[in-house]
């Protein structure tokens, strides 16, 4: 069960600080190497304050994943605009998705690690992967309606891209522009005629 968000501003601020600290520490050190004490200390909150908001580090991770999925659900994958080329449309889609992924890099790293050792997280991962692959399939279907589109196996390509995006979420900041360009090229060459 996910922790319920507090209604009082002061409590919400503390919870937000814990979430931000966990995102940062999970990105730097991973799930196992990050303790509740470190998360609380980074947030400037006593360890007991952590447990007022989350029953465990696992529950915090589940909340972080839920937040990531809500952010991805809320993304507006609007086309590049009237007169935009098919490639420009793909660039907008990829850039929008990757920016959201990179804002949650700590969740991705911690999640991948926890899936290997925690049966509850592994069970949730099946649903998360189904959802993320579905979102990618929807985007590929939209790209498939653009001029010059190829007939591709959307399910297979979605599965490959889903795995790729999980790894790309951990890209160092100084390499993100190059990675974005490579992912755009990959999708353009897979889905559109040159």
N, C-alpha and C. Protein backbone atom coordinates (compact mmCIF):
# COMPACT_ATOMS: atom_id res chain seq x y z
N UNK A 1 0.84 -1.18 0.00
CA UNK A 1 0.00 0.00 0.00
C UNK A 1 0.89 1.24 0.00
N UNK A 2 0.52 2.22 -0.80
CA UNK A 2 1.28 3.45 -0.89
C UNK A 2 0.94 4.37 0.26
N UNK A 3 1.94 5.16 0.67
CA UNK A 3 1.73 6.12 1.75
C UNK A 3 0.84 7.24 1.26
N UNK A 4 -0.10 7.63 2.08
CA UNK A 4 -1.01 8.72 1.74
C UNK A 4 -0.29 10.05 1.92
N UNK A 5 -0.46 10.95 0.97
CA UNK A 5 0.16 12.27 1.05
C UNK A 5 -0.50 13.06 2.18
N UNK A 6 0.32 13.78 2.96
CA UNK A 6 -0.25 14.56 4.06
C UNK A 6 -1.05 15.75 3.55
N UNK A 7 -1.95 16.23 4.40
CA UNK A 7 -2.77 17.37 3.99
C UNK A 7 -2.22 18.70 4.50
N UNK A 8 -1.45 18.69 5.59
CA UNK A 8 -0.91 19.93 6.14
C UNK A 8 0.36 20.32 5.38
N UNK A 9 0.53 21.62 5.15
CA UNK A 9 1.66 22.12 4.37
C UNK A 9 3.00 21.72 4.98
N UNK A 10 3.15 21.86 6.28
CA UNK A 10 4.43 21.54 6.91
C UNK A 10 4.77 20.05 6.73
N UNK A 11 3.79 19.21 6.89
CA UNK A 11 4.00 17.78 6.68
C UNK A 11 4.30 17.47 5.21
N UNK A 12 3.61 18.15 4.31
CA UNK A 12 3.86 17.96 2.88
C UNK A 12 5.28 18.40 2.54
N UNK A 13 5.74 19.51 3.13
CA UNK A 13 7.11 19.98 2.88
C UNK A 13 8.14 18.96 3.34
N UNK A 14 7.90 18.34 4.48
CA UNK A 14 8.82 17.31 4.98
C UNK A 14 8.81 16.09 4.05
N UNK A 15 7.65 15.69 3.64
CA UNK A 15 7.55 14.55 2.73
C UNK A 15 8.26 14.86 1.41
N UNK A 16 8.05 16.06 0.89
CA UNK A 16 8.71 16.47 -0.36
C UNK A 16 10.23 16.46 -0.20
N UNK A 17 10.72 16.89 0.97
CA UNK A 17 12.16 16.88 1.23
C UNK A 17 12.70 15.44 1.25
N UNK A 18 11.94 14.53 1.83
CA UNK A 18 12.34 13.12 1.86
C UNK A 18 12.36 12.54 0.44
N UNK A 19 11.38 12.87 -0.34
CA UNK A 19 11.31 12.39 -1.72
C UNK A 19 12.50 12.91 -2.52
N UNK A 20 12.78 14.20 -2.40
CA UNK A 20 13.90 14.79 -3.13
C UNK A 20 15.23 14.18 -2.69
N UNK A 21 15.39 13.98 -1.38
CA UNK A 21 16.62 13.37 -0.87
C UNK A 21 16.78 11.95 -1.39
N UNK A 22 15.70 11.18 -1.39
CA UNK A 22 15.76 9.81 -1.87
C UNK A 22 16.11 9.77 -3.36
N UNK A 23 15.50 10.63 -4.16
CA UNK A 23 15.82 10.68 -5.59
C UNK A 23 17.30 10.92 -5.81
N UNK A 24 17.85 11.88 -5.09
CA UNK A 24 19.25 12.24 -5.23
C UNK A 24 20.17 11.09 -4.78
N UNK A 25 19.89 10.56 -3.60
CA UNK A 25 20.74 9.50 -3.05
C UNK A 25 20.62 8.19 -3.82
N UNK A 26 19.43 7.85 -4.27
CA UNK A 26 19.25 6.65 -5.08
C UNK A 26 20.03 6.78 -6.39
N UNK A 27 20.02 7.97 -6.99
CA UNK A 27 20.76 8.19 -8.24
C UNK A 27 22.26 8.05 -8.00
N UNK A 28 22.74 8.54 -6.86
CA UNK A 28 24.18 8.50 -6.56
C UNK A 28 24.65 7.13 -6.11
N UNK A 29 23.88 6.47 -5.25
CA UNK A 29 24.38 5.28 -4.56
C UNK A 29 23.56 4.01 -4.80
N UNK A 30 22.38 4.13 -5.37
CA UNK A 30 21.53 2.96 -5.55
C UNK A 30 20.63 2.73 -4.36
N UNK A 31 19.80 1.71 -4.47
CA UNK A 31 18.79 1.42 -3.45
C UNK A 31 19.40 0.80 -2.20
N UNK A 32 20.16 -0.26 -2.37
CA UNK A 32 20.69 -0.98 -1.21
C UNK A 32 21.66 -0.14 -0.41
N UNK A 33 22.49 0.65 -1.07
CA UNK A 33 23.52 1.43 -0.38
C UNK A 33 22.97 2.70 0.27
N UNK A 34 21.73 3.01 0.02
CA UNK A 34 21.12 4.20 0.61
C UNK A 34 20.23 3.79 1.76
N UNK A 35 20.57 4.24 2.95
CA UNK A 35 19.78 3.90 4.12
C UNK A 35 18.76 4.97 4.47
N UNK A 36 17.80 4.60 5.26
CA UNK A 36 16.78 5.54 5.74
C UNK A 36 17.45 6.70 6.47
N UNK A 37 18.49 6.39 7.24
CA UNK A 37 19.19 7.43 7.99
C UNK A 37 19.78 8.48 7.06
N UNK A 38 20.37 8.04 5.96
CA UNK A 38 20.96 8.97 5.00
C UNK A 38 19.89 9.82 4.32
N UNK A 39 18.76 9.20 3.98
CA UNK A 39 17.66 9.95 3.35
C UNK A 39 17.16 11.02 4.32
N UNK A 40 16.93 10.63 5.57
CA UNK A 40 16.43 11.58 6.57
C UNK A 40 17.44 12.70 6.79
N UNK A 41 18.72 12.36 6.90
CA UNK A 41 19.75 13.37 7.13
C UNK A 41 19.82 14.35 5.97
N UNK A 42 19.77 13.84 4.72
CA UNK A 42 19.83 14.73 3.54
C UNK A 42 18.61 15.65 3.51
N UNK A 43 17.48 15.15 3.98
CA UNK A 43 16.25 15.95 3.99
C UNK A 43 16.21 16.91 5.18
N UNK A 44 17.13 16.73 6.13
CA UNK A 44 17.12 17.58 7.33
C UNK A 44 16.01 17.22 8.29
N UNK A 45 15.68 15.94 8.33
CA UNK A 45 14.57 15.45 9.14
C UNK A 45 15.08 14.29 10.00
N UNK A 46 14.56 14.18 11.19
CA UNK A 46 14.93 13.06 12.06
C UNK A 46 14.43 11.74 11.45
N UNK A 47 15.13 10.66 11.76
CA UNK A 47 14.74 9.34 11.25
C UNK A 47 13.29 9.03 11.60
N UNK A 48 12.87 9.39 12.81
CA UNK A 48 11.48 9.17 13.19
C UNK A 48 10.52 9.89 12.27
N UNK A 49 10.93 11.06 11.75
CA UNK A 49 10.11 11.80 10.80
C UNK A 49 9.93 11.06 9.49
N UNK A 50 10.97 10.32 9.10
CA UNK A 50 10.86 9.49 7.90
C UNK A 50 9.70 8.51 8.06
N UNK A 51 9.68 7.85 9.23
CA UNK A 51 8.67 6.81 9.46
C UNK A 51 7.27 7.37 9.69
N UNK A 52 7.16 8.66 9.89
CA UNK A 52 5.83 9.28 9.94
C UNK A 52 5.22 9.37 8.54
N UNK A 53 6.10 9.34 7.54
CA UNK A 53 5.63 9.48 6.15
C UNK A 53 5.68 8.17 5.36
N UNK A 54 6.64 7.32 5.69
CA UNK A 54 6.81 6.07 4.94
C UNK A 54 7.09 4.93 5.91
N UNK A 55 6.47 3.80 5.67
CA UNK A 55 6.66 2.64 6.54
C UNK A 55 8.04 2.01 6.35
N UNK A 56 8.63 2.20 5.16
CA UNK A 56 9.91 1.58 4.85
C UNK A 56 10.52 2.27 3.65
N UNK A 57 11.78 1.93 3.39
CA UNK A 57 12.45 2.43 2.20
C UNK A 57 11.76 1.87 0.95
N UNK A 58 11.29 0.63 1.01
CA UNK A 58 10.57 0.04 -0.12
C UNK A 58 9.31 0.83 -0.42
N UNK A 59 8.55 1.20 0.62
CA UNK A 59 7.33 1.97 0.38
C UNK A 59 7.67 3.31 -0.27
N UNK A 60 8.76 3.94 0.16
CA UNK A 60 9.19 5.19 -0.47
C UNK A 60 9.50 4.95 -1.94
N UNK A 61 10.19 3.87 -2.26
CA UNK A 61 10.49 3.56 -3.65
C UNK A 61 9.21 3.35 -4.46
N UNK A 62 8.24 2.65 -3.90
CA UNK A 62 6.97 2.45 -4.60
C UNK A 62 6.26 3.78 -4.84
N UNK A 63 6.32 4.69 -3.86
CA UNK A 63 5.74 6.03 -4.03
C UNK A 63 6.47 6.79 -5.14
N UNK A 64 7.81 6.69 -5.15
CA UNK A 64 8.59 7.37 -6.19
C UNK A 64 8.23 6.84 -7.58
N UNK A 65 8.07 5.52 -7.70
CA UNK A 65 7.70 4.95 -8.99
C UNK A 65 6.30 5.42 -9.40
N UNK A 66 5.39 5.47 -8.43
CA UNK A 66 4.04 5.96 -8.73
C UNK A 66 4.10 7.41 -9.21
N UNK A 67 4.93 8.21 -8.59
CA UNK A 67 5.09 9.61 -9.01
C UNK A 67 5.65 9.69 -10.43
N UNK A 68 6.64 8.85 -10.74
CA UNK A 68 7.20 8.82 -12.08
C UNK A 68 6.13 8.47 -13.11
N UNK A 69 5.36 7.44 -12.82
CA UNK A 69 4.32 7.01 -13.77
C UNK A 69 3.26 8.09 -13.94
N UNK A 70 2.92 8.78 -12.87
CA UNK A 70 1.96 9.88 -12.99
C UNK A 70 2.53 11.00 -13.85
N UNK A 71 3.82 11.31 -13.68
CA UNK A 71 4.45 12.34 -14.51
C UNK A 71 4.47 11.92 -15.97
N UNK A 72 4.79 10.65 -16.24
CA UNK A 72 4.81 10.18 -17.61
C UNK A 72 3.41 10.18 -18.22
N UNK A 73 2.43 9.81 -17.40
CA UNK A 73 1.03 9.82 -17.88
C UNK A 73 0.59 11.23 -18.26
N UNK A 74 1.09 12.21 -17.53
CA UNK A 74 0.69 13.59 -17.77
C UNK A 74 1.45 14.30 -18.87
N UNK A 75 2.43 13.63 -19.47
CA UNK A 75 3.20 14.27 -20.53
C UNK A 75 2.33 14.57 -21.73
N UNK A 76 2.57 15.71 -22.32
CA UNK A 76 1.87 16.09 -23.53
C UNK A 76 2.79 15.82 -24.71
N UNK A 77 2.54 14.73 -25.41
CA UNK A 77 3.35 14.38 -26.56
C UNK A 77 2.76 15.03 -27.80
N UNK A 78 2.67 16.35 -27.76
CA UNK A 78 2.11 17.10 -28.88
C UNK A 78 3.07 17.03 -30.06
N UNK A 79 2.55 17.00 -31.27
CA UNK A 79 3.42 17.00 -32.43
C UNK A 79 4.25 18.29 -32.50
N UNK A 80 5.29 18.27 -33.30
CA UNK A 80 6.23 19.40 -33.38
C UNK A 80 5.57 20.67 -33.91
N UNK A 81 4.47 20.56 -34.55
CA UNK A 81 3.78 21.74 -35.07
C UNK A 81 3.50 21.61 -36.56
N UNK A 82 2.66 22.48 -37.03
CA UNK A 82 2.29 22.44 -38.44
C UNK A 82 3.53 22.62 -39.29
N UNK A 83 3.65 21.80 -40.31
CA UNK A 83 4.78 21.89 -41.22
C UNK A 83 6.03 21.19 -40.73
N UNK A 84 5.99 20.63 -39.54
CA UNK A 84 7.17 19.94 -39.02
C UNK A 84 7.38 18.64 -39.78
N UNK A 85 8.63 18.28 -39.94
CA UNK A 85 8.94 17.01 -40.61
C UNK A 85 8.65 15.85 -39.65
N UNK A 86 8.60 14.66 -40.21
CA UNK A 86 8.39 13.47 -39.38
C UNK A 86 9.52 13.33 -38.37
N UNK A 87 10.75 13.61 -38.78
CA UNK A 87 11.90 13.54 -37.87
C UNK A 87 11.75 14.54 -36.73
N UNK A 88 11.32 15.74 -37.03
CA UNK A 88 11.13 16.75 -35.98
C UNK A 88 10.07 16.30 -34.98
N UNK A 89 9.04 15.64 -35.46
CA UNK A 89 8.01 15.12 -34.57
C UNK A 89 8.59 14.04 -33.66
N UNK A 90 9.39 13.16 -34.21
CA UNK A 90 10.04 12.13 -33.40
C UNK A 90 10.96 12.79 -32.37
N UNK A 91 11.70 13.80 -32.77
CA UNK A 91 12.60 14.50 -31.84
C UNK A 91 11.84 15.08 -30.65
N UNK A 92 10.69 15.67 -30.91
CA UNK A 92 9.88 16.24 -29.82
C UNK A 92 9.42 15.12 -28.88
N UNK A 93 8.95 14.02 -29.44
CA UNK A 93 8.49 12.90 -28.61
C UNK A 93 9.63 12.36 -27.74
N UNK A 94 10.77 12.12 -28.35
CA UNK A 94 11.90 11.55 -27.62
C UNK A 94 12.40 12.52 -26.56
N UNK A 95 12.60 13.76 -26.93
CA UNK A 95 13.12 14.76 -25.98
C UNK A 95 12.17 14.91 -24.79
N UNK A 96 10.88 14.97 -25.03
CA UNK A 96 9.90 15.11 -23.95
C UNK A 96 9.97 13.91 -23.01
N UNK A 97 10.01 12.72 -23.57
CA UNK A 97 10.07 11.51 -22.75
C UNK A 97 11.37 11.40 -21.97
N UNK A 98 12.50 11.69 -22.62
CA UNK A 98 13.78 11.57 -21.93
C UNK A 98 13.95 12.61 -20.82
N UNK A 99 13.44 13.81 -21.03
CA UNK A 99 13.52 14.81 -19.96
C UNK A 99 12.78 14.34 -18.72
N UNK A 100 11.63 13.72 -18.91
CA UNK A 100 10.89 13.18 -17.76
C UNK A 100 11.67 12.04 -17.12
N UNK A 101 12.25 11.18 -17.94
CA UNK A 101 13.05 10.07 -17.41
C UNK A 101 14.22 10.60 -16.58
N UNK A 102 14.92 11.57 -17.10
CA UNK A 102 16.11 12.09 -16.41
C UNK A 102 15.76 12.82 -15.12
N UNK A 103 14.57 13.37 -15.04
CA UNK A 103 14.15 14.01 -13.78
C UNK A 103 13.95 12.98 -12.68
N UNK A 104 13.81 11.71 -13.07
CA UNK A 104 13.56 10.62 -12.12
C UNK A 104 14.67 9.57 -12.16
N UNK A 105 15.87 9.96 -12.49
CA UNK A 105 16.98 9.00 -12.64
C UNK A 105 17.17 8.14 -11.40
N UNK A 106 17.00 8.72 -10.22
CA UNK A 106 17.17 7.95 -8.99
C UNK A 106 16.16 6.83 -8.86
N UNK A 107 14.96 7.07 -9.32
CA UNK A 107 13.92 6.03 -9.26
C UNK A 107 14.32 4.87 -10.17
N UNK A 108 14.76 5.19 -11.38
CA UNK A 108 15.14 4.14 -12.31
C UNK A 108 16.25 3.26 -11.74
N UNK A 109 17.30 3.89 -11.21
CA UNK A 109 18.42 3.11 -10.68
C UNK A 109 17.98 2.24 -9.50
N UNK A 110 17.28 2.85 -8.56
CA UNK A 110 16.84 2.11 -7.36
C UNK A 110 15.87 1.00 -7.75
N UNK A 111 14.98 1.27 -8.67
CA UNK A 111 13.98 0.29 -9.08
C UNK A 111 14.65 -0.93 -9.70
N UNK A 112 15.57 -0.69 -10.65
CA UNK A 112 16.25 -1.82 -11.30
C UNK A 112 16.97 -2.68 -10.28
N UNK A 113 17.56 -2.04 -9.29
CA UNK A 113 18.29 -2.78 -8.26
C UNK A 113 17.33 -3.56 -7.36
N UNK A 114 16.25 -2.92 -6.93
CA UNK A 114 15.31 -3.55 -6.01
C UNK A 114 14.56 -4.71 -6.65
N UNK A 115 14.32 -4.64 -7.95
CA UNK A 115 13.63 -5.72 -8.66
C UNK A 115 14.37 -7.05 -8.48
N UNK A 116 15.68 -6.99 -8.37
CA UNK A 116 16.49 -8.20 -8.26
C UNK A 116 16.41 -8.87 -6.89
N UNK A 117 16.05 -8.10 -5.86
CA UNK A 117 16.10 -8.65 -4.51
C UNK A 117 14.79 -8.60 -3.74
N UNK A 118 13.80 -7.91 -4.27
CA UNK A 118 12.55 -7.70 -3.53
C UNK A 118 11.38 -8.22 -4.35
N UNK A 119 10.73 -9.27 -3.86
CA UNK A 119 9.64 -9.91 -4.60
C UNK A 119 8.47 -8.97 -4.84
N UNK A 120 8.18 -8.09 -3.88
CA UNK A 120 7.07 -7.13 -4.05
C UNK A 120 7.37 -6.16 -5.18
N UNK A 121 8.59 -5.66 -5.23
CA UNK A 121 8.98 -4.73 -6.30
C UNK A 121 9.01 -5.48 -7.63
N UNK A 122 9.51 -6.70 -7.64
CA UNK A 122 9.55 -7.49 -8.87
C UNK A 122 8.14 -7.73 -9.42
N UNK A 123 7.21 -8.00 -8.53
CA UNK A 123 5.81 -8.19 -8.95
C UNK A 123 5.24 -6.90 -9.53
N UNK A 124 5.53 -5.78 -8.88
CA UNK A 124 5.07 -4.48 -9.38
C UNK A 124 5.73 -4.15 -10.71
N UNK A 125 6.96 -4.60 -10.89
CA UNK A 125 7.70 -4.30 -12.12
C UNK A 125 7.02 -4.88 -13.34
N UNK A 126 6.37 -6.01 -13.21
CA UNK A 126 5.64 -6.61 -14.33
C UNK A 126 4.56 -5.63 -14.81
N UNK A 127 3.83 -5.05 -13.87
CA UNK A 127 2.78 -4.08 -14.23
C UNK A 127 3.39 -2.79 -14.79
N UNK A 128 4.48 -2.33 -14.19
CA UNK A 128 5.13 -1.10 -14.65
C UNK A 128 5.64 -1.29 -16.08
N UNK A 129 6.29 -2.42 -16.34
CA UNK A 129 6.82 -2.68 -17.68
C UNK A 129 5.69 -2.77 -18.71
N UNK A 130 4.60 -3.41 -18.34
CA UNK A 130 3.45 -3.49 -19.25
C UNK A 130 2.95 -2.08 -19.56
N UNK A 131 2.88 -1.22 -18.54
CA UNK A 131 2.39 0.14 -18.73
C UNK A 131 3.35 0.96 -19.58
N UNK A 132 4.67 0.92 -19.26
CA UNK A 132 5.63 1.72 -20.01
C UNK A 132 5.73 1.25 -21.46
N UNK A 133 5.72 -0.04 -21.68
CA UNK A 133 5.74 -0.56 -23.05
C UNK A 133 4.49 -0.13 -23.81
N UNK A 134 3.36 -0.09 -23.12
CA UNK A 134 2.12 0.37 -23.75
C UNK A 134 2.18 1.82 -24.16
N UNK A 135 2.79 2.65 -23.31
CA UNK A 135 2.95 4.07 -23.66
C UNK A 135 3.86 4.23 -24.87
N UNK A 136 4.93 3.45 -24.91
CA UNK A 136 5.85 3.52 -26.04
C UNK A 136 5.15 3.02 -27.30
N UNK A 137 4.36 1.96 -27.18
CA UNK A 137 3.61 1.45 -28.33
C UNK A 137 2.65 2.49 -28.87
N UNK A 138 2.00 3.23 -27.98
CA UNK A 138 1.08 4.28 -28.42
C UNK A 138 1.84 5.37 -29.19
N UNK A 139 3.02 5.74 -28.69
CA UNK A 139 3.83 6.75 -29.38
C UNK A 139 4.28 6.23 -30.75
N UNK A 140 4.70 4.97 -30.80
CA UNK A 140 5.13 4.39 -32.08
C UNK A 140 3.98 4.29 -33.07
N UNK A 141 2.80 3.99 -32.56
CA UNK A 141 1.62 3.95 -33.43
C UNK A 141 1.34 5.34 -34.01
N UNK A 142 1.49 6.37 -33.18
CA UNK A 142 1.31 7.75 -33.66
C UNK A 142 2.37 8.09 -34.71
N UNK A 143 3.62 7.69 -34.45
CA UNK A 143 4.69 7.93 -35.43
C UNK A 143 4.39 7.16 -36.71
N UNK A 144 3.82 5.97 -36.57
CA UNK A 144 3.48 5.16 -37.73
C UNK A 144 2.44 5.78 -38.65
N UNK A 145 1.74 6.79 -38.15
CA UNK A 145 0.76 7.49 -38.99
C UNK A 145 1.37 8.68 -39.73
N UNK A 146 2.64 8.95 -39.48
CA UNK A 146 3.32 10.07 -40.15
C UNK A 146 3.66 9.69 -41.59
N UNK A 147 3.85 10.70 -42.44
CA UNK A 147 4.27 10.42 -43.82
C UNK A 147 5.62 9.70 -43.82
N UNK A 148 5.73 8.68 -44.66
CA UNK A 148 6.99 7.95 -44.80
C UNK A 148 7.18 6.86 -43.76
N UNK A 149 6.13 6.47 -43.06
CA UNK A 149 6.26 5.45 -42.02
C UNK A 149 6.39 4.06 -42.62
N UNK A 150 7.16 3.23 -41.95
CA UNK A 150 7.31 1.82 -42.31
C UNK A 150 6.27 1.00 -41.55
N UNK A 151 6.06 -0.20 -42.03
CA UNK A 151 5.23 -1.16 -41.29
C UNK A 151 6.19 -1.91 -40.36
N UNK A 152 6.07 -1.67 -39.04
CA UNK A 152 6.98 -2.29 -38.07
C UNK A 152 6.19 -3.11 -37.06
N UNK A 153 6.87 -4.01 -36.41
CA UNK A 153 6.29 -4.79 -35.32
C UNK A 153 6.33 -3.89 -34.08
N UNK A 154 5.24 -3.19 -33.83
CA UNK A 154 5.19 -2.20 -32.76
C UNK A 154 5.44 -2.84 -31.40
N UNK A 155 4.89 -4.02 -31.15
CA UNK A 155 5.08 -4.67 -29.85
C UNK A 155 6.55 -5.00 -29.61
N UNK A 156 7.22 -5.55 -30.61
CA UNK A 156 8.63 -5.91 -30.45
C UNK A 156 9.50 -4.67 -30.28
N UNK A 157 9.27 -3.66 -31.11
CA UNK A 157 10.06 -2.44 -31.00
C UNK A 157 9.78 -1.73 -29.68
N UNK A 158 8.55 -1.78 -29.20
CA UNK A 158 8.21 -1.18 -27.90
C UNK A 158 8.98 -1.85 -26.77
N UNK A 159 9.08 -3.16 -26.82
CA UNK A 159 9.81 -3.89 -25.78
C UNK A 159 11.29 -3.52 -25.79
N UNK A 160 11.87 -3.41 -26.97
CA UNK A 160 13.28 -3.04 -27.09
C UNK A 160 13.50 -1.61 -26.58
N UNK A 161 12.65 -0.70 -27.00
CA UNK A 161 12.80 0.70 -26.58
C UNK A 161 12.54 0.86 -25.09
N UNK A 162 11.62 0.10 -24.54
CA UNK A 162 11.36 0.17 -23.11
C UNK A 162 12.63 -0.19 -22.33
N UNK A 163 13.27 -1.28 -22.72
CA UNK A 163 14.52 -1.68 -22.05
C UNK A 163 15.59 -0.61 -22.24
N UNK A 164 15.67 -0.05 -23.43
CA UNK A 164 16.65 1.00 -23.70
C UNK A 164 16.40 2.22 -22.83
N UNK A 165 15.15 2.66 -22.73
CA UNK A 165 14.84 3.86 -21.94
C UNK A 165 15.16 3.67 -20.47
N UNK A 166 14.99 2.46 -19.94
CA UNK A 166 15.35 2.20 -18.55
C UNK A 166 16.84 2.42 -18.33
N UNK A 167 17.65 2.02 -19.30
CA UNK A 167 19.11 2.23 -19.18
C UNK A 167 19.49 3.68 -19.46
N UNK A 168 18.86 4.29 -20.44
CA UNK A 168 19.18 5.67 -20.82
C UNK A 168 18.85 6.63 -19.67
N UNK A 169 17.93 6.27 -18.81
CA UNK A 169 17.56 7.14 -17.69
C UNK A 169 18.75 7.42 -16.77
N UNK A 170 19.76 6.59 -16.82
CA UNK A 170 20.94 6.76 -15.98
C UNK A 170 22.09 7.47 -16.71
N UNK A 171 21.83 8.03 -17.87
CA UNK A 171 22.86 8.71 -18.65
C UNK A 171 23.42 9.90 -17.88
N UNK A 172 24.75 10.02 -17.82
CA UNK A 172 25.33 11.21 -17.18
C UNK A 172 24.89 12.49 -17.89
N UNK A 173 24.78 13.55 -17.12
CA UNK A 173 24.26 14.82 -17.64
C UNK A 173 25.02 15.30 -18.88
N UNK A 174 26.33 15.18 -18.90
CA UNK A 174 27.11 15.71 -20.02
C UNK A 174 26.96 14.91 -21.31
N UNK A 175 26.30 13.78 -21.28
CA UNK A 175 26.12 12.94 -22.48
C UNK A 175 24.68 12.93 -22.99
N UNK A 176 23.81 13.68 -22.38
CA UNK A 176 22.38 13.56 -22.71
C UNK A 176 22.02 14.04 -24.10
N UNK A 177 22.64 15.10 -24.57
CA UNK A 177 22.32 15.59 -25.92
C UNK A 177 22.69 14.54 -26.96
N UNK A 178 23.87 13.95 -26.82
CA UNK A 178 24.31 12.93 -27.77
C UNK A 178 23.41 11.70 -27.70
N UNK A 179 23.04 11.29 -26.50
CA UNK A 179 22.16 10.12 -26.35
C UNK A 179 20.80 10.40 -26.96
N UNK A 180 20.27 11.59 -26.75
CA UNK A 180 18.98 11.96 -27.34
C UNK A 180 19.05 11.83 -28.86
N UNK A 181 20.11 12.33 -29.46
CA UNK A 181 20.26 12.28 -30.91
C UNK A 181 20.33 10.84 -31.40
N UNK A 182 21.04 9.98 -30.69
CA UNK A 182 21.16 8.58 -31.09
C UNK A 182 19.80 7.88 -31.00
N UNK A 183 19.05 8.14 -29.93
CA UNK A 183 17.73 7.52 -29.78
C UNK A 183 16.79 8.01 -30.89
N UNK A 184 16.84 9.29 -31.21
CA UNK A 184 16.02 9.81 -32.31
C UNK A 184 16.39 9.10 -33.61
N UNK A 185 17.69 9.00 -33.90
CA UNK A 185 18.15 8.32 -35.13
C UNK A 185 17.66 6.87 -35.16
N UNK A 186 17.78 6.18 -34.03
CA UNK A 186 17.34 4.79 -33.95
C UNK A 186 15.85 4.66 -34.30
N UNK A 187 15.04 5.50 -33.71
CA UNK A 187 13.59 5.42 -33.95
C UNK A 187 13.25 5.83 -35.38
N UNK A 188 13.88 6.91 -35.84
CA UNK A 188 13.62 7.36 -37.22
C UNK A 188 13.96 6.26 -38.21
N UNK A 189 15.12 5.63 -38.05
CA UNK A 189 15.53 4.59 -39.01
C UNK A 189 14.69 3.32 -38.87
N UNK A 190 14.18 3.07 -37.68
CA UNK A 190 13.36 1.87 -37.48
C UNK A 190 11.94 2.07 -38.00
N UNK A 191 11.42 3.29 -37.91
CA UNK A 191 10.00 3.50 -38.16
C UNK A 191 9.71 4.29 -39.44
N UNK A 192 10.66 5.08 -39.89
CA UNK A 192 10.41 5.93 -41.06
C UNK A 192 11.35 5.56 -42.22
N UNK A 193 10.85 5.67 -43.45
CA UNK A 193 11.72 5.48 -44.63
C UNK A 193 12.63 6.69 -44.72
N UNK A 194 13.87 6.45 -45.12
CA UNK A 194 14.83 7.56 -45.26
C UNK A 194 14.51 8.42 -46.46
